[in-house]
Amino acid sequence: MMKLLKSIRISKSGASAAEYALILAIVGGGIVAAAITLKGAIGGAMTSTATTITTNA
């Protein structure tokens, strides 16, 4: 196990994987924050669309 950890630490691909994981976490957090912030607006738009479709059907 220690040999594997040492090879990852020395390996450039281990660093790249960690960097990609960090970027993915930041982007994912941004998407979650945007969804929480826009939750009301998205719900209102869906309700308005559903009302229009029901009324015009």
PDB file of N, CA and C in Angstrom:
ATOM      1  N   MET A   1       0.831  -1.197   0.000  1.00  0.00           N
ATOM      2  CA  MET A   1       0.000   0.000   0.000  1.00  0.00           C
ATOM      3  C   MET A   1       0.871   1.254   0.000  1.00  0.00           C
ATOM      4  N   MET A   2       1.902   1.245   0.827  1.00  0.00           N
ATOM      5  CA  MET A   2       2.794   2.410   0.889  1.00  0.00           C
ATOM      6  C   MET A   2       3.507   2.621  -0.440  1.00  0.00           C
ATOM      7  N   LYS A   3       3.849   1.515  -1.118  1.00  0.00           N
ATOM      8  CA  LYS A   3       4.513   1.622  -2.412  1.00  0.00           C
ATOM      9  C   LYS A   3       3.595   2.315  -3.424  1.00  0.00           C
ATOM     10  N   LEU A   4       2.308   1.984  -3.381  1.00  0.00           N
ATOM     11  CA  LEU A   4       1.331   2.597  -4.278  1.00  0.00           C
ATOM     12  C   LEU A   4       1.199   4.092  -3.997  1.00  0.00           C
ATOM     13  N   LEU A   5       1.107   4.460  -2.720  1.00  0.00           N
ATOM     14  CA  LEU A   5       0.983   5.880  -2.358  1.00  0.00           C
ATOM     15  C   LEU A   5       2.222   6.670  -2.773  1.00  0.00           C
ATOM     16  N   LYS A   6       3.393   6.074  -2.620  1.00  0.00           N
ATOM     17  CA  LYS A   6       4.627   6.751  -3.037  1.00  0.00           C
ATOM     18  C   LYS A   6       4.661   6.927  -4.551  1.00  0.00           C
ATOM     19  N   SER A   7       4.209   5.915  -5.289  1.00  0.00           N
ATOM     20  CA  SER A   7       4.224   6.028  -6.749  1.00  0.00           C
ATOM     21  C   SER A   7       3.215   7.074  -7.233  1.00  0.00           C
ATOM     22  N   ILE A   8       2.087   7.206  -6.557  1.00  0.00           N
ATOM     23  CA  ILE A   8       1.108   8.234  -6.922  1.00  0.00           C
ATOM     24  C   ILE A   8       1.658   9.619  -6.614  1.00  0.00           C
ATOM     25  N   ARG A   9       2.337   9.745  -5.476  1.00  0.00           N
ATOM     26  CA  ARG A   9       2.895  11.037  -5.091  1.00  0.00           C
ATOM     27  C   ARG A   9       3.966  11.479  -6.069  1.00  0.00           C
ATOM     28  N   ILE A  10       4.757  10.559  -6.544  1.00  0.00           N
ATOM     29  CA  ILE A  10       5.836  10.872  -7.476  1.00  0.00           C
ATOM     30  C   ILE A  10       5.293  11.061  -8.888  1.00  0.00           C
ATOM     31  N   SER A  11       4.276  10.300  -9.228  1.00  0.00           N
ATOM     32  CA  SER A  11       3.719  10.304 -10.574  1.00  0.00           C
ATOM     33  C   SER A  11       3.018  11.626 -10.878  1.00  0.00           C
ATOM     34  N   LYS A  12       3.187  12.087 -12.086  1.00  0.00           N
ATOM     35  CA  LYS A  12       2.503  13.308 -12.532  1.00  0.00           C
ATOM     36  C   LYS A  12       1.005  13.063 -12.707  1.00  0.00           C
ATOM     37  N   SER A  13       0.602  11.866 -13.078  1.00  0.00           N
ATOM     38  CA  SER A  13      -0.811  11.583 -13.299  1.00  0.00           C
ATOM     39  C   SER A  13      -1.598  11.637 -11.995  1.00  0.00           C
ATOM     40  N   GLY A  14      -0.966  11.334 -10.873  1.00  0.00           N
ATOM     41  CA  GLY A  14      -1.642  11.447  -9.587  1.00  0.00           C
ATOM     42  C   GLY A  14      -1.996  12.888  -9.280  1.00  0.00           C
ATOM     43  N   ALA A  15      -1.075  13.790  -9.591  1.00  0.00           N
ATOM     44  CA  ALA A  15      -1.330  15.210  -9.375  1.00  0.00           C
ATOM     45  C   ALA A  15      -2.434  15.695 -10.306  1.00  0.00           C
ATOM     46  N   SER A  16      -2.416  15.234 -11.531  1.00  0.00           N
ATOM     47  CA  SER A  16      -3.445  15.645 -12.490  1.00  0.00           C
ATOM     48  C   SER A  16      -4.821  15.169 -12.045  1.00  0.00           C
ATOM     49  N   ALA A  17      -4.880  13.949 -11.543  1.00  0.00           N
ATOM     50  CA  ALA A  17      -6.162  13.424 -11.083  1.00  0.00           C
ATOM     51  C   ALA A  17      -6.689  14.247  -9.919  1.00  0.00           C
ATOM     52  N   ALA A  18      -5.818  14.636  -9.009  1.00  0.00           N
ATOM     53  CA  ALA A  18      -6.239  15.456  -7.879  1.00  0.00           C
ATOM     54  C   ALA A  18      -6.715  16.827  -8.352  1.00  0.00           C
ATOM     55  N   GLU A  19      -6.043  17.394  -9.316  1.00  0.00           N
ATOM     56  CA  GLU A  19      -6.445  18.694  -9.845  1.00  0.00           C
ATOM     57  C   GLU A  19      -7.806  18.605 -10.538  1.00  0.00           C
ATOM     58  N   TYR A  20      -8.004  17.545 -11.304  1.00  0.00           N
ATOM     59  CA  TYR A  20      -9.299  17.362 -11.964  1.00  0.00           C
ATOM     60  C   TYR A  20     -10.419  17.155 -10.945  1.00  0.00           C
ATOM     61  N   ALA A  21     -10.130  16.432  -9.885  1.00  0.00           N
ATOM     62  CA  ALA A  21     -11.131  16.220  -8.840  1.00  0.00           C
ATOM     63  C   ALA A  21     -11.485  17.538  -8.163  1.00  0.00           C
ATOM     64  N   LEU A  22     -10.502  18.385  -7.934  1.00  0.00           N
ATOM     65  CA  LEU A  22     -10.756  19.691  -7.320  1.00  0.00           C
ATOM     66  C   LEU A  22     -11.589  20.576  -8.242  1.00  0.00           C
ATOM     67  N   ILE A  23     -11.261  20.596  -9.522  1.00  0.00           N
ATOM     68  CA  ILE A  23     -12.038  21.383 -10.487  1.00  0.00           C
ATOM     69  C   ILE A  23     -13.472  20.873 -10.560  1.00  0.00           C
ATOM     70  N   LEU A  24     -13.631  19.549 -10.575  1.00  0.00           N
ATOM     71  CA  LEU A  24     -14.967  18.952 -10.619  1.00  0.00           C
ATOM     72  C   LEU A  24     -15.779  19.325  -9.389  1.00  0.00           C
ATOM     73  N   ALA A  25     -15.139  19.335  -8.221  1.00  0.00           N
ATOM     74  CA  ALA A  25     -15.838  19.707  -6.989  1.00  0.00           C
ATOM     75  C   ALA A  25     -16.265  21.171  -7.022  1.00  0.00           C
ATOM     76  N   ILE A  26     -15.415  22.048  -7.530  1.00  0.00           N
ATOM     77  CA  ILE A  26     -15.748  23.478  -7.601  1.00  0.00           C
ATOM     78  C   ILE A  26     -16.895  23.713  -8.587  1.00  0.00           C
ATOM     79  N   VAL A  27     -16.818  23.093  -9.755  1.00  0.00           N
ATOM     80  CA  VAL A  27     -17.880  23.260 -10.760  1.00  0.00           C
ATOM     81  C   VAL A  27     -19.191  22.672 -10.241  1.00  0.00           C
ATOM     82  N   GLY A  28     -19.114  21.506  -9.611  1.00  0.00           N
ATOM     83  CA  GLY A  28     -20.317  20.894  -9.040  1.00  0.00           C
ATOM     84  C   GLY A  28     -20.943  21.769  -7.974  1.00  0.00           C
ATOM     85  N   GLY A  29     -20.107  22.365  -7.133  1.00  0.00           N
ATOM     86  CA  GLY A  29     -20.626  23.283  -6.111  1.00  0.00           C
ATOM     87  C   GLY A  29     -21.299  24.495  -6.728  1.00  0.00           C
ATOM     88  N   GLY A  30     -20.740  24.996  -7.816  1.00  0.00           N
ATOM     89  CA  GLY A  30     -21.346  26.135  -8.511  1.00  0.00           C
ATOM     90  C   GLY A  30     -22.700  25.790  -9.109  1.00  0.00           C
ATOM     91  N   ILE A  31     -22.801  24.592  -9.663  1.00  0.00           N
ATOM     92  CA  ILE A  31     -24.077  24.155 -10.237  1.00  0.00           C
ATOM     93  C   ILE A  31     -25.131  24.015  -9.143  1.00  0.00           C
ATOM     94  N   VAL A  32     -24.741  23.447  -8.016  1.00  0.00           N
ATOM     95  CA  VAL A  32     -25.682  23.295  -6.896  1.00  0.00           C
ATOM     96  C   VAL A  32     -26.108  24.664  -6.378  1.00  0.00           C
ATOM     97  N   ALA A  33     -25.171  25.581  -6.229  1.00  0.00           N
ATOM     98  CA  ALA A  33     -25.505  26.928  -5.745  1.00  0.00           C
ATOM     99  C   ALA A  33     -26.448  27.637  -6.708  1.00  0.00           C
ATOM    100  N   ALA A  34     -26.203  27.506  -8.005  1.00  0.00           N
ATOM    101  CA  ALA A  34     -27.077  28.132  -9.001  1.00  0.00           C
ATOM    102  C   ALA A  34     -28.472  27.520  -8.967  1.00  0.00           C
ATOM    103  N   ALA A  35     -28.559  26.213  -8.820  1.00  0.00           N
ATOM    104  CA  ALA A  35     -29.867  25.549  -8.768  1.00  0.00           C
ATOM    105  C   ALA A  35     -30.655  25.991  -7.547  1.00  0.00           C
ATOM    106  N   ILE A  36     -29.967  26.115  -6.411  1.00  0.00           N
ATOM    107  CA  ILE A  36     -30.650  26.561  -5.188  1.00  0.00           C
ATOM    108  C   ILE A  36     -31.120  28.006  -5.335  1.00  0.00           C
ATOM    109  N   THR A  37     -30.272  28.839  -5.913  1.00  0.00           N
ATOM    110  CA  THR A  37     -30.611  30.253  -6.085  1.00  0.00           C
ATOM    111  C   THR A  37     -31.770  30.439  -7.059  1.00  0.00           C
ATOM    112  N   LEU A  38     -31.797  29.674  -8.134  1.00  0.00           N
ATOM    113  CA  LEU A  38     -32.810  29.851  -9.178  1.00  0.00           C
ATOM    114  C   LEU A  38     -34.033  28.957  -8.999  1.00  0.00           C
ATOM    115  N   LYS A  39     -34.097  28.246  -7.882  1.00  0.00           N
ATOM    116  CA  LYS A  39     -35.187  27.293  -7.645  1.00  0.00           C
ATOM    117  C   LYS A  39     -36.562  27.940  -7.808  1.00  0.00           C
ATOM    118  N   GLY A  40     -36.780  29.078  -7.223  1.00  0.00           N
ATOM    119  CA  GLY A  40     -38.077  29.746  -7.295  1.00  0.00           C
ATOM    120  C   GLY A  40     -38.419  30.209  -8.693  1.00  0.00           C
ATOM    121  N   ALA A  41     -37.438  30.777  -9.388  1.00  0.00           N
ATOM    122  CA  ALA A  41     -37.674  31.270 -10.747  1.00  0.00           C
ATOM    123  C   ALA A  41     -37.990  30.120 -11.700  1.00  0.00           C
ATOM    124  N   ILE A  42     -37.274  29.022 -11.560  1.00  0.00           N
ATOM    125  CA  ILE A  42     -37.527  27.868 -12.425  1.00  0.00           C
ATOM    126  C   ILE A  42     -38.907  27.285 -12.138  1.00  0.00           C
ATOM    127  N   GLY A  43     -39.267  27.169 -10.870  1.00  0.00           N
ATOM    128  CA  GLY A  43     -40.594  26.662 -10.506  1.00  0.00           C
ATOM    129  C   GLY A  43     -41.699  27.555 -11.031  1.00  0.00           C
ATOM    130  N   GLY A  44     -41.511  28.872 -10.941  1.00  0.00           N
ATOM    131  CA  GLY A  44     -42.505  29.815 -11.455  1.00  0.00           C
ATOM    132  C   GLY A  44     -42.669  29.714 -12.951  1.00  0.00           C
ATOM    133  N   ALA A  45     -41.576  29.542 -13.653  1.00  0.00           N
ATOM    134  CA  ALA A  45     -41.640  29.412 -15.114  1.00  0.00           C
ATOM    135  C   ALA A  45     -42.353  28.128 -15.514  1.00  0.00           C
ATOM    136  N   MET A  46     -42.085  27.066 -14.797  1.00  0.00           N
ATOM    137  CA  MET A  46     -42.762  25.790 -15.100  1.00  0.00           C
ATOM    138  C   MET A  46     -44.262  25.881 -14.824  1.00  0.00           C
ATOM    139  N   THR A  47     -44.631  26.518 -13.722  1.00  0.00           N
ATOM    140  CA  THR A  47     -46.051  26.681 -13.389  1.00  0.00           C
ATOM    141  C   THR A  47     -46.754  27.539 -14.433  1.00  0.00           C
ATOM    142  N   SER A  48     -46.105  28.624 -14.839  1.00  0.00           N
ATOM    143  CA  SER A  48     -46.681  29.506 -15.851  1.00  0.00           C
ATOM    144  C   SER A  48     -46.873  28.772 -17.177  1.00  0.00           C
ATOM    145  N   THR A  49     -45.883  27.978 -17.545  1.00  0.00           N
ATOM    146  CA  THR A  49     -45.974  27.205 -18.797  1.00  0.00           C
ATOM    147  C   THR A  49     -47.100  26.180 -18.715  1.00  0.00           C
ATOM    148  N   ALA A  50     -47.211  25.497 -17.595  1.00  0.00           N
ATOM    149  CA  ALA A  50     -48.252  24.492 -17.424  1.00  0.00           C
ATOM    150  C   ALA A  50     -49.645  25.128 -17.465  1.00  0.00           C
ATOM    151  N   THR A  51     -49.772  26.304 -16.862  1.00  0.00           N
ATOM    152  CA  THR A  51     -51.056  27.020 -16.878  1.00  0.00           C
ATOM    153  C   THR A  51     -51.427  27.419 -18.291  1.00  0.00           C
ATOM    154  N   THR A  52     -50.444  27.910 -19.043  1.00  0.00           N
ATOM    155  CA  THR A  52     -50.700  28.325 -20.432  1.00  0.00           C
ATOM    156  C   THR A  52     -51.110  27.144 -21.291  1.00  0.00           C
ATOM    157  N   ILE A  53     -50.424  26.022 -21.110  1.00  0.00           N
ATOM    158  CA  ILE A  53     -50.755  24.840 -21.904  1.00  0.00           C
ATOM    159  C   ILE A  53     -52.162  24.338 -21.551  1.00  0.00           C
ATOM    160  N   THR A  54     -52.489  24.302 -20.265  1.00  0.00           N
ATOM    161  CA  THR A  54     -53.801  23.835 -19.830  1.00  0.00           C
ATOM    162  C   THR A  54     -54.902  24.761 -20.329  1.00  0.00           C
ATOM    163  N   THR A  55     -54.661  26.056 -20.284  1.00  0.00           N
ATOM    164  CA  THR A  55     -55.673  27.035 -20.681  1.00  0.00           C
ATOM    165  C   THR A  55     -55.904  26.976 -22.197  1.00  0.00           C
ATOM    166  N   ASN A  56     -54.870  26.806 -22.961  1.00  0.00           N
ATOM    167  CA  ASN A  56     -54.979  26.812 -24.419  1.00  0.00           C
ATOM    168  C   ASN A  56     -55.313  25.440 -25.009  1.00  0.00           C
ATOM    169  N   ALA A  57     -55.350  24.424 -24.206  1.00  0.00           N
ATOM    170  CA  ALA A  57     -55.582  23.067 -24.738  1.00  0.00           C
ATOM    171  C   ALA A  57     -57.022  22.784 -24.999  1.00  0.00           C
TER     172      ALA A  57
END
